[in-house]
């Protein structure tokens, strides 16, 4: 994606034979693959790990509106409630409590119109 125009870039591959074209296409696919995430270190907090994953791996490939949506969820909801937990210590109870708190009072704007809780 071209960040300046927010449009996805198209690549054109030219070759004399179908075999050469397939080889060039395979090279291009390898170059465009997203890097794989490493396992978080035991001492890192979920807030730091989420920030690193988002900034380094996801943000460069997202459109601006999607970036805003991800940032709102990560920085205004997830990190506030779960950010001080280490990823290897995070369990299903923590996640369920997080969802329950969002249902009760997770709305940050337009509270007077829709109430404090988020909808299903």
N, C-alpha and C. Protein backbone atom coordinates (compact mmCIF):
# COMPACT_ATOMS: atom_id res chain seq x y z
N UNK A 1 0.84 -1.17 0.00
CA UNK A 1 0.00 0.00 0.00
C UNK A 1 0.88 1.23 0.00
N UNK A 2 0.50 2.21 -0.77
CA UNK A 2 1.22 3.48 -0.81
C UNK A 2 0.64 4.39 0.26
N UNK A 3 1.42 4.72 1.33
CA UNK A 3 0.88 5.53 2.42
C UNK A 3 0.47 6.93 1.98
N UNK A 4 1.10 7.47 0.96
CA UNK A 4 0.78 8.83 0.52
C UNK A 4 -0.61 8.90 -0.10
N UNK A 5 -1.00 7.89 -0.85
CA UNK A 5 -2.29 7.92 -1.53
C UNK A 5 -3.32 7.02 -0.88
N UNK A 6 -2.92 6.16 0.03
CA UNK A 6 -3.80 5.21 0.71
C UNK A 6 -4.41 4.20 -0.25
N UNK A 7 -3.75 3.96 -1.38
CA UNK A 7 -4.19 2.96 -2.33
C UNK A 7 -3.19 1.81 -2.36
N UNK A 8 -3.69 0.64 -2.63
CA UNK A 8 -2.81 -0.51 -2.76
C UNK A 8 -2.03 -0.40 -4.07
N UNK A 9 -0.79 -0.82 -4.03
CA UNK A 9 0.05 -0.76 -5.21
C UNK A 9 -0.13 -2.04 -6.04
N UNK A 10 -0.06 -1.88 -7.34
CA UNK A 10 -0.11 -3.02 -8.24
C UNK A 10 1.28 -3.26 -8.80
N UNK A 11 1.64 -4.51 -8.91
CA UNK A 11 2.93 -4.87 -9.48
C UNK A 11 2.70 -5.62 -10.78
N UNK A 12 3.51 -5.34 -11.78
CA UNK A 12 3.41 -5.99 -13.08
C UNK A 12 4.65 -6.85 -13.28
N UNK A 13 4.45 -8.09 -13.68
CA UNK A 13 5.57 -9.00 -13.90
C UNK A 13 5.60 -9.37 -15.37
N UNK A 14 6.75 -9.19 -15.97
CA UNK A 14 6.93 -9.54 -17.38
C UNK A 14 8.05 -10.57 -17.51
N UNK A 15 7.84 -11.56 -18.35
CA UNK A 15 8.85 -12.57 -18.61
C UNK A 15 8.58 -13.19 -19.98
N UNK A 16 9.60 -13.86 -20.51
CA UNK A 16 9.44 -14.46 -21.84
C UNK A 16 8.66 -15.76 -21.79
N UNK A 17 8.80 -16.50 -20.69
CA UNK A 17 8.10 -17.78 -20.60
C UNK A 17 7.23 -17.80 -19.35
N UNK A 18 6.31 -18.73 -19.34
CA UNK A 18 5.43 -18.87 -18.20
C UNK A 18 6.21 -19.30 -16.96
N UNK A 19 7.23 -20.13 -17.15
CA UNK A 19 8.06 -20.59 -16.04
C UNK A 19 8.81 -19.43 -15.39
N UNK A 20 9.40 -18.56 -16.22
CA UNK A 20 10.11 -17.39 -15.70
C UNK A 20 9.15 -16.47 -14.95
N UNK A 21 7.97 -16.30 -15.50
CA UNK A 21 6.97 -15.44 -14.87
C UNK A 21 6.56 -16.01 -13.50
N UNK A 22 6.36 -17.31 -13.43
CA UNK A 22 5.99 -17.95 -12.17
C UNK A 22 7.10 -17.80 -11.14
N UNK A 23 8.36 -17.91 -11.57
CA UNK A 23 9.49 -17.76 -10.65
C UNK A 23 9.56 -16.32 -10.13
N UNK A 24 9.37 -15.35 -11.02
CA UNK A 24 9.39 -13.95 -10.60
C UNK A 24 8.23 -13.64 -9.65
N UNK A 25 7.08 -14.22 -9.94
CA UNK A 25 5.92 -14.01 -9.08
C UNK A 25 6.16 -14.60 -7.68
N UNK A 26 6.77 -15.77 -7.64
CA UNK A 26 7.09 -16.39 -6.35
C UNK A 26 8.06 -15.52 -5.55
N UNK A 27 9.05 -14.93 -6.23
CA UNK A 27 9.98 -14.01 -5.56
C UNK A 27 9.25 -12.81 -5.00
N UNK A 28 8.34 -12.26 -5.79
CA UNK A 28 7.58 -11.09 -5.35
C UNK A 28 6.71 -11.42 -4.14
N UNK A 29 6.07 -12.59 -4.17
CA UNK A 29 5.25 -13.00 -3.04
C UNK A 29 6.09 -13.13 -1.78
N UNK A 30 7.28 -13.70 -1.91
CA UNK A 30 8.16 -13.84 -0.75
C UNK A 30 8.56 -12.48 -0.20
N UNK A 31 8.79 -11.52 -1.08
CA UNK A 31 9.19 -10.18 -0.64
C UNK A 31 8.04 -9.45 0.05
N UNK A 32 6.80 -9.77 -0.31
CA UNK A 32 5.65 -9.06 0.24
C UNK A 32 5.06 -9.71 1.48
N UNK A 33 5.52 -10.88 1.84
CA UNK A 33 4.98 -11.56 3.02
C UNK A 33 5.24 -10.74 4.27
N UNK A 34 4.25 -10.74 5.16
CA UNK A 34 4.43 -10.05 6.43
C UNK A 34 5.38 -10.86 7.30
N UNK A 35 6.22 -10.18 8.06
CA UNK A 35 7.13 -10.93 8.94
C UNK A 35 6.34 -11.63 10.04
N UNK A 36 6.86 -12.75 10.47
CA UNK A 36 6.18 -13.50 11.53
C UNK A 36 6.55 -12.91 12.89
N UNK A 37 5.61 -12.99 13.80
CA UNK A 37 5.83 -12.45 15.14
C UNK A 37 6.63 -13.42 15.98
N UNK A 38 7.55 -12.90 16.75
CA UNK A 38 8.28 -13.72 17.71
C UNK A 38 7.43 -13.85 18.97
N UNK A 39 7.69 -14.88 19.73
CA UNK A 39 7.01 -15.03 21.01
C UNK A 39 7.47 -13.90 21.93
N UNK A 40 6.55 -13.33 22.71
CA UNK A 40 6.96 -12.25 23.62
C UNK A 40 7.88 -12.77 24.71
N UNK A 41 8.81 -11.93 25.14
CA UNK A 41 9.70 -12.28 26.24
C UNK A 41 8.88 -12.34 27.53
N UNK A 42 9.24 -13.20 28.46
CA UNK A 42 8.43 -13.37 29.68
C UNK A 42 8.26 -12.09 30.49
N UNK A 43 9.24 -11.20 30.47
CA UNK A 43 9.15 -10.01 31.32
C UNK A 43 8.42 -8.84 30.67
N UNK A 44 8.05 -8.94 29.40
CA UNK A 44 7.38 -7.84 28.71
C UNK A 44 5.90 -7.79 29.10
N UNK A 45 5.36 -6.59 29.16
CA UNK A 45 3.94 -6.41 29.47
C UNK A 45 3.12 -6.47 28.19
N UNK A 46 1.86 -6.80 28.33
CA UNK A 46 0.97 -6.89 27.18
C UNK A 46 0.89 -5.55 26.45
N UNK A 47 0.90 -4.44 27.18
CA UNK A 47 0.83 -3.12 26.55
C UNK A 47 2.02 -2.90 25.62
N UNK A 48 3.21 -3.24 26.07
CA UNK A 48 4.41 -3.05 25.25
C UNK A 48 4.41 -3.99 24.05
N UNK A 49 3.98 -5.23 24.26
CA UNK A 49 3.96 -6.20 23.18
C UNK A 49 2.94 -5.83 22.11
N UNK A 50 1.74 -5.40 22.54
CA UNK A 50 0.72 -4.98 21.58
C UNK A 50 1.18 -3.77 20.78
N UNK A 51 1.79 -2.81 21.47
CA UNK A 51 2.29 -1.62 20.78
C UNK A 51 3.35 -1.99 19.76
N UNK A 52 4.28 -2.84 20.13
CA UNK A 52 5.33 -3.27 19.21
C UNK A 52 4.74 -4.00 18.00
N UNK A 53 3.85 -4.94 18.25
CA UNK A 53 3.24 -5.70 17.15
C UNK A 53 2.47 -4.79 16.21
N UNK A 54 1.71 -3.88 16.77
CA UNK A 54 0.90 -2.99 15.93
C UNK A 54 1.79 -2.05 15.12
N UNK A 55 2.73 -1.38 15.78
CA UNK A 55 3.56 -0.38 15.11
C UNK A 55 4.48 -1.00 14.06
N UNK A 56 5.07 -2.15 14.38
CA UNK A 56 6.07 -2.74 13.50
C UNK A 56 5.48 -3.62 12.40
N UNK A 57 4.41 -4.36 12.72
CA UNK A 57 3.93 -5.37 11.79
C UNK A 57 2.63 -5.01 11.09
N UNK A 58 1.68 -4.39 11.78
CA UNK A 58 0.37 -4.17 11.19
C UNK A 58 0.19 -2.78 10.58
N UNK A 59 0.60 -1.75 11.29
CA UNK A 59 0.30 -0.38 10.87
C UNK A 59 0.79 -0.04 9.47
N UNK A 60 1.98 -0.46 9.05
CA UNK A 60 2.44 -0.08 7.70
C UNK A 60 1.55 -0.60 6.57
N UNK A 61 0.77 -1.63 6.81
CA UNK A 61 -0.04 -2.23 5.75
C UNK A 61 -1.53 -1.89 5.85
N UNK A 62 -1.89 -0.97 6.73
CA UNK A 62 -3.30 -0.66 6.94
C UNK A 62 -3.68 0.67 6.30
N UNK A 63 -4.92 0.76 5.87
CA UNK A 63 -5.46 2.02 5.39
C UNK A 63 -5.70 2.95 6.58
N UNK A 64 -5.73 4.26 6.37
CA UNK A 64 -5.85 5.21 7.49
C UNK A 64 -7.06 4.98 8.40
N UNK A 65 -8.23 4.71 7.85
CA UNK A 65 -9.41 4.48 8.69
C UNK A 65 -9.26 3.22 9.53
N UNK A 66 -8.66 2.19 8.97
CA UNK A 66 -8.43 0.96 9.72
C UNK A 66 -7.40 1.21 10.82
N UNK A 67 -6.38 2.01 10.53
CA UNK A 67 -5.40 2.37 11.56
C UNK A 67 -6.08 3.04 12.74
N UNK A 68 -6.96 4.00 12.46
CA UNK A 68 -7.66 4.71 13.55
C UNK A 68 -8.50 3.73 14.37
N UNK A 69 -9.17 2.81 13.71
CA UNK A 69 -10.00 1.84 14.41
C UNK A 69 -9.15 0.93 15.30
N UNK A 70 -8.05 0.42 14.76
CA UNK A 70 -7.15 -0.43 15.54
C UNK A 70 -6.58 0.33 16.73
N UNK A 71 -6.13 1.56 16.49
CA UNK A 71 -5.53 2.35 17.57
C UNK A 71 -6.54 2.64 18.67
N UNK A 72 -7.78 2.92 18.31
CA UNK A 72 -8.82 3.17 19.31
C UNK A 72 -9.01 1.93 20.18
N UNK A 73 -9.10 0.78 19.55
CA UNK A 73 -9.32 -0.45 20.32
C UNK A 73 -8.11 -0.80 21.19
N UNK A 74 -6.92 -0.68 20.61
CA UNK A 74 -5.72 -1.07 21.35
C UNK A 74 -5.43 -0.11 22.48
N UNK A 75 -5.34 1.19 22.17
CA UNK A 75 -4.85 2.16 23.14
C UNK A 75 -5.92 2.68 24.11
N UNK A 76 -7.19 2.70 23.70
CA UNK A 76 -8.23 3.22 24.58
C UNK A 76 -8.98 2.14 25.34
N UNK A 77 -8.89 0.91 24.90
CA UNK A 77 -9.63 -0.16 25.58
C UNK A 77 -8.70 -1.24 26.13
N UNK A 78 -8.00 -1.93 25.23
CA UNK A 78 -7.24 -3.12 25.65
C UNK A 78 -6.11 -2.77 26.60
N UNK A 79 -5.29 -1.79 26.23
CA UNK A 79 -4.13 -1.47 27.07
C UNK A 79 -4.56 -0.90 28.42
N UNK A 80 -5.65 -0.13 28.45
CA UNK A 80 -6.11 0.42 29.73
C UNK A 80 -6.51 -0.67 30.72
N UNK A 81 -7.14 -1.72 30.22
CA UNK A 81 -7.65 -2.77 31.11
C UNK A 81 -6.68 -3.93 31.31
N UNK A 82 -5.96 -4.32 30.26
CA UNK A 82 -5.12 -5.52 30.32
C UNK A 82 -3.63 -5.25 30.14
N UNK A 83 -3.25 -4.00 29.96
CA UNK A 83 -1.88 -3.66 29.59
C UNK A 83 -0.82 -4.02 30.61
N UNK A 84 -1.17 -4.10 31.89
CA UNK A 84 -0.17 -4.36 32.92
C UNK A 84 0.03 -5.85 33.21
N UNK A 85 -0.61 -6.69 32.42
CA UNK A 85 -0.46 -8.15 32.59
C UNK A 85 0.59 -8.64 31.60
N UNK A 86 1.38 -9.61 32.02
CA UNK A 86 2.33 -10.23 31.10
C UNK A 86 1.58 -11.19 30.19
N UNK A 87 1.93 -11.24 28.89
CA UNK A 87 1.18 -12.10 27.96
C UNK A 87 1.11 -13.57 28.37
N UNK A 88 2.18 -14.09 28.97
CA UNK A 88 2.14 -15.49 29.37
C UNK A 88 1.30 -15.72 30.63
N UNK A 89 0.94 -14.65 31.33
CA UNK A 89 0.09 -14.75 32.52
C UNK A 89 -1.38 -14.46 32.20
N UNK A 90 -1.67 -14.00 31.00
CA UNK A 90 -3.03 -13.67 30.59
C UNK A 90 -3.85 -14.96 30.46
N UNK A 91 -5.02 -14.98 31.06
CA UNK A 91 -5.85 -16.18 30.98
C UNK A 91 -7.26 -15.81 30.54
N UNK A 92 -8.09 -16.82 30.37
CA UNK A 92 -9.44 -16.59 29.85
C UNK A 92 -10.28 -15.77 30.82
N UNK A 93 -10.04 -15.90 32.11
CA UNK A 93 -10.79 -15.11 33.09
C UNK A 93 -10.53 -13.62 32.90
N UNK A 94 -9.27 -13.26 32.67
CA UNK A 94 -8.93 -11.85 32.43
C UNK A 94 -9.66 -11.32 31.20
N UNK A 95 -9.69 -12.12 30.15
CA UNK A 95 -10.33 -11.68 28.91
C UNK A 95 -11.84 -11.59 29.09
N UNK A 96 -12.44 -12.53 29.80
CA UNK A 96 -13.88 -12.47 30.06
C UNK A 96 -14.24 -11.25 30.90
N UNK A 97 -13.43 -10.96 31.92
CA UNK A 97 -13.67 -9.77 32.74
C UNK A 97 -13.54 -8.50 31.91
N UNK A 98 -12.60 -8.50 30.98
CA UNK A 98 -12.42 -7.36 30.08
C UNK A 98 -13.68 -7.15 29.24
N UNK A 99 -14.21 -8.21 28.65
CA UNK A 99 -15.42 -8.10 27.84
C UNK A 99 -16.62 -7.66 28.67
N UNK A 100 -16.74 -8.18 29.89
CA UNK A 100 -17.84 -7.78 30.76
C UNK A 100 -17.74 -6.29 31.09
N UNK A 101 -16.53 -5.81 31.36
CA UNK A 101 -16.36 -4.38 31.66
C UNK A 101 -16.69 -3.52 30.44
N UNK A 102 -16.38 -4.00 29.24
CA UNK A 102 -16.76 -3.25 28.03
C UNK A 102 -18.27 -3.21 27.87
N UNK A 103 -18.94 -4.32 28.17
CA UNK A 103 -20.40 -4.36 28.06
C UNK A 103 -21.06 -3.40 29.05
N UNK A 104 -20.47 -3.27 30.24
CA UNK A 104 -21.07 -2.41 31.27
C UNK A 104 -20.74 -0.94 31.06
N UNK A 105 -19.48 -0.62 30.84
CA UNK A 105 -19.10 0.80 30.72
C UNK A 105 -17.94 1.00 29.76
N UNK A 106 -18.03 0.42 28.58
CA UNK A 106 -16.95 0.53 27.61
C UNK A 106 -17.08 1.66 26.61
N UNK A 107 -18.27 2.29 26.54
CA UNK A 107 -18.47 3.37 25.57
C UNK A 107 -17.75 4.63 26.05
N UNK A 108 -16.97 5.24 25.16
CA UNK A 108 -16.20 6.43 25.51
C UNK A 108 -16.84 7.72 25.01
N UNK A 109 -17.60 7.63 23.92
CA UNK A 109 -18.25 8.82 23.38
C UNK A 109 -19.74 8.54 23.18
N UNK A 110 -20.54 9.59 23.11
CA UNK A 110 -21.99 9.51 22.92
C UNK A 110 -22.67 8.68 24.01
N UNK A 111 -22.16 8.79 25.21
CA UNK A 111 -22.72 8.04 26.34
C UNK A 111 -24.15 8.50 26.62
N UNK A 112 -24.42 9.81 26.46
CA UNK A 112 -25.75 10.33 26.77
C UNK A 112 -26.82 9.80 25.81
N UNK A 113 -26.43 9.39 24.60
CA UNK A 113 -27.39 8.86 23.63
C UNK A 113 -27.56 7.35 23.75
N UNK A 114 -26.46 6.63 23.94
CA UNK A 114 -26.49 5.17 23.85
C UNK A 114 -26.27 4.45 25.18
N UNK A 115 -25.95 5.16 26.22
CA UNK A 115 -25.64 4.52 27.49
C UNK A 115 -24.16 4.21 27.61
N UNK A 116 -23.78 3.72 28.80
CA UNK A 116 -22.35 3.50 29.07
C UNK A 116 -21.80 2.23 28.44
N UNK A 117 -22.62 1.22 28.28
CA UNK A 117 -22.14 -0.06 27.79
C UNK A 117 -22.12 -0.16 26.28
N UNK A 118 -21.27 -1.05 25.79
CA UNK A 118 -21.21 -1.32 24.35
C UNK A 118 -22.27 -2.36 23.99
N UNK A 119 -22.69 -2.33 22.74
CA UNK A 119 -23.70 -3.29 22.29
C UNK A 119 -23.02 -4.61 21.91
N UNK A 120 -23.85 -5.61 21.63
CA UNK A 120 -23.32 -6.91 21.21
C UNK A 120 -22.76 -6.72 19.86
